[in-house]
């Protein structure tokens, strides 16, 4: 599978390697999700639902599992005040 947006690698081995690397810095706790670690796919899925991906939230904000724009903006506000 190739991602036209980020020029993702096409081989299965490279895809797994990329996933493992992406997961190292990801705050999202939805490990059962098929897109976990595949950032372009994750963003596309959430964008289609009008949501913000969990990886963009702080650890505390992500744990609420509210992916709405309003929740994201509140999370950003809390981080700026800290």
C-alpha atoms as a PDB file:
ATOM      1  CA  UNK A   1       0.000   0.000   0.000  1.00  0.00           C
ATOM      2  CA  UNK A   2       1.342   3.432  -0.860  1.00  0.00           C
ATOM      3  CA  UNK A   3       0.271   6.739   0.622  1.00  0.00           C
ATOM      4  CA  UNK A   4       0.215   9.519  -1.960  1.00  0.00           C
ATOM      5  CA  UNK A   5       0.284  12.193   0.727  1.00  0.00           C
ATOM      6  CA  UNK A   6       3.402  11.117   2.626  1.00  0.00           C
ATOM      7  CA  UNK A   7       5.043   8.791   0.082  1.00  0.00           C
ATOM      8  CA  UNK A   8       4.842   5.878   2.500  1.00  0.00           C
ATOM      9  CA  UNK A   9       6.871   2.744   1.718  1.00  0.00           C
ATOM     10  CA  UNK A  10       5.112   0.050  -0.257  1.00  0.00           C
ATOM     11  CA  UNK A  11       6.554  -3.222   1.045  1.00  0.00           C
ATOM     12  CA  UNK A  12       4.944  -4.974   4.003  1.00  0.00           C
ATOM     13  CA  UNK A  13       8.284  -5.061   5.839  1.00  0.00           C
ATOM     14  CA  UNK A  14       8.826  -1.313   5.439  1.00  0.00           C
ATOM     15  CA  UNK A  15       5.214  -0.693   6.468  1.00  0.00           C
ATOM     16  CA  UNK A  16       5.672  -2.646   9.730  1.00  0.00           C
ATOM     17  CA  UNK A  17       8.956  -0.832  10.436  1.00  0.00           C
ATOM     18  CA  UNK A  18       7.272   2.541   9.873  1.00  0.00           C
ATOM     19  CA  UNK A  19       4.421   1.562  12.178  1.00  0.00           C
ATOM     20  CA  UNK A  20       6.799   0.572  14.983  1.00  0.00           C
ATOM     21  CA  UNK A  21       8.680   3.874  14.637  1.00  0.00           C
ATOM     22  CA  UNK A  22       5.450   5.933  14.601  1.00  0.00           C
ATOM     23  CA  UNK A  23       4.104   4.155  17.689  1.00  0.00           C
ATOM     24  CA  UNK A  24       7.138   5.214  19.756  1.00  0.00           C
ATOM     25  CA  UNK A  25       5.952   8.821  19.908  1.00  0.00           C
ATOM     26  CA  UNK A  26       2.202   8.284  19.708  1.00  0.00           C
ATOM     27  CA  UNK A  27       0.037   9.165  22.728  1.00  0.00           C
ATOM     28  CA  UNK A  28      -3.040   7.386  21.350  1.00  0.00           C
ATOM     29  CA  UNK A  29      -4.149   4.449  23.523  1.00  0.00           C
ATOM     30  CA  UNK A  30      -6.417   2.831  20.909  1.00  0.00           C
ATOM     31  CA  UNK A  31      -4.042  -0.081  20.273  1.00  0.00           C
ATOM     32  CA  UNK A  32      -6.819  -2.232  18.810  1.00  0.00           C
ATOM     33  CA  UNK A  33      -7.272   0.257  15.966  1.00  0.00           C
ATOM     34  CA  UNK A  34      -6.090  -0.969  12.541  1.00  0.00           C
ATOM     35  CA  UNK A  35      -4.675   2.478  11.745  1.00  0.00           C
ATOM     36  CA  UNK A  36      -2.633   2.777  14.970  1.00  0.00           C
ATOM     37  CA  UNK A  37       0.880   3.719  13.896  1.00  0.00           C
ATOM     38  CA  UNK A  38      -0.154   4.470  10.313  1.00  0.00           C
ATOM     39  CA  UNK A  39      -0.538   8.212  10.699  1.00  0.00           C
ATOM     40  CA  UNK A  40      -1.902   9.128   7.241  1.00  0.00           C
ATOM     41  CA  UNK A  41      -4.593   6.450   7.492  1.00  0.00           C
ATOM     42  CA  UNK A  42      -5.457   7.473  11.043  1.00  0.00           C
ATOM     43  CA  UNK A  43      -5.786  11.151  10.140  1.00  0.00           C
ATOM     44  CA  UNK A  44      -7.927  10.335   7.097  1.00  0.00           C
ATOM     45  CA  UNK A  45     -10.235   8.158   9.204  1.00  0.00           C
ATOM     46  CA  UNK A  46     -10.733  10.789  11.886  1.00  0.00           C
ATOM     47  CA  UNK A  47     -11.034  13.650   9.383  1.00  0.00           C
ATOM     48  CA  UNK A  48     -13.836  11.738   7.661  1.00  0.00           C
ATOM     49  CA  UNK A  49     -15.649  11.567  10.999  1.00  0.00           C
ATOM     50  CA  UNK A  50     -15.059  15.245  11.822  1.00  0.00           C
ATOM     51  CA  UNK A  51     -12.666  14.246  14.603  1.00  0.00           C
ATOM     52  CA  UNK A  52      -9.128  15.020  15.749  1.00  0.00           C
ATOM     53  CA  UNK A  53      -6.726  12.012  16.019  1.00  0.00           C
ATOM     54  CA  UNK A  54      -5.703  11.000  19.539  1.00  0.00           C
ATOM     55  CA  UNK A  55      -2.015  11.527  18.772  1.00  0.00           C
ATOM     56  CA  UNK A  56      -2.564  15.292  18.664  1.00  0.00           C
ATOM     57  CA  UNK A  57      -3.920  15.403  22.223  1.00  0.00           C
ATOM     58  CA  UNK A  58      -1.840  15.508  25.390  1.00  0.00           C
ATOM     59  CA  UNK A  59      -1.678  12.224  27.309  1.00  0.00           C
ATOM     60  CA  UNK A  60      -4.329  13.520  29.710  1.00  0.00           C
ATOM     61  CA  UNK A  61      -6.592  14.789  26.925  1.00  0.00           C
ATOM     62  CA  UNK A  62      -6.307  11.563  24.948  1.00  0.00           C
ATOM     63  CA  UNK A  63      -7.470   9.476  27.900  1.00  0.00           C
ATOM     64  CA  UNK A  64     -10.869  11.201  27.726  1.00  0.00           C
ATOM     65  CA  UNK A  65     -11.463   9.553  24.299  1.00  0.00           C
ATOM     66  CA  UNK A  66     -13.367  12.654  23.130  1.00  0.00           C
ATOM     67  CA  UNK A  67     -11.991  13.384  19.651  1.00  0.00           C
ATOM     68  CA  UNK A  68     -14.137  16.464  19.009  1.00  0.00           C
ATOM     69  CA  UNK A  69     -12.646  19.784  17.942  1.00  0.00           C
ATOM     70  CA  UNK A  70     -14.016  21.353  21.114  1.00  0.00           C
ATOM     71  CA  UNK A  71     -12.218  18.792  23.307  1.00  0.00           C
ATOM     72  CA  UNK A  72      -8.986  19.346  21.366  1.00  0.00           C
ATOM     73  CA  UNK A  73      -9.183  23.123  21.812  1.00  0.00           C
ATOM     74  CA  UNK A  74      -9.793  22.684  25.550  1.00  0.00           C
ATOM     75  CA  UNK A  75      -6.791  20.352  25.732  1.00  0.00           C
ATOM     76  CA  UNK A  76      -4.598  22.929  23.973  1.00  0.00           C
ATOM     77  CA  UNK A  77      -5.848  25.639  26.341  1.00  0.00           C
ATOM     78  CA  UNK A  78      -4.980  23.484  29.390  1.00  0.00           C
ATOM     79  CA  UNK A  79      -1.474  22.860  28.041  1.00  0.00           C
ATOM     80  CA  UNK A  80      -0.887  26.565  27.428  1.00  0.00           C
ATOM     81  CA  UNK A  81      -1.992  27.440  30.963  1.00  0.00           C
ATOM     82  CA  UNK A  82       0.272  24.822  32.550  1.00  0.00           C
END
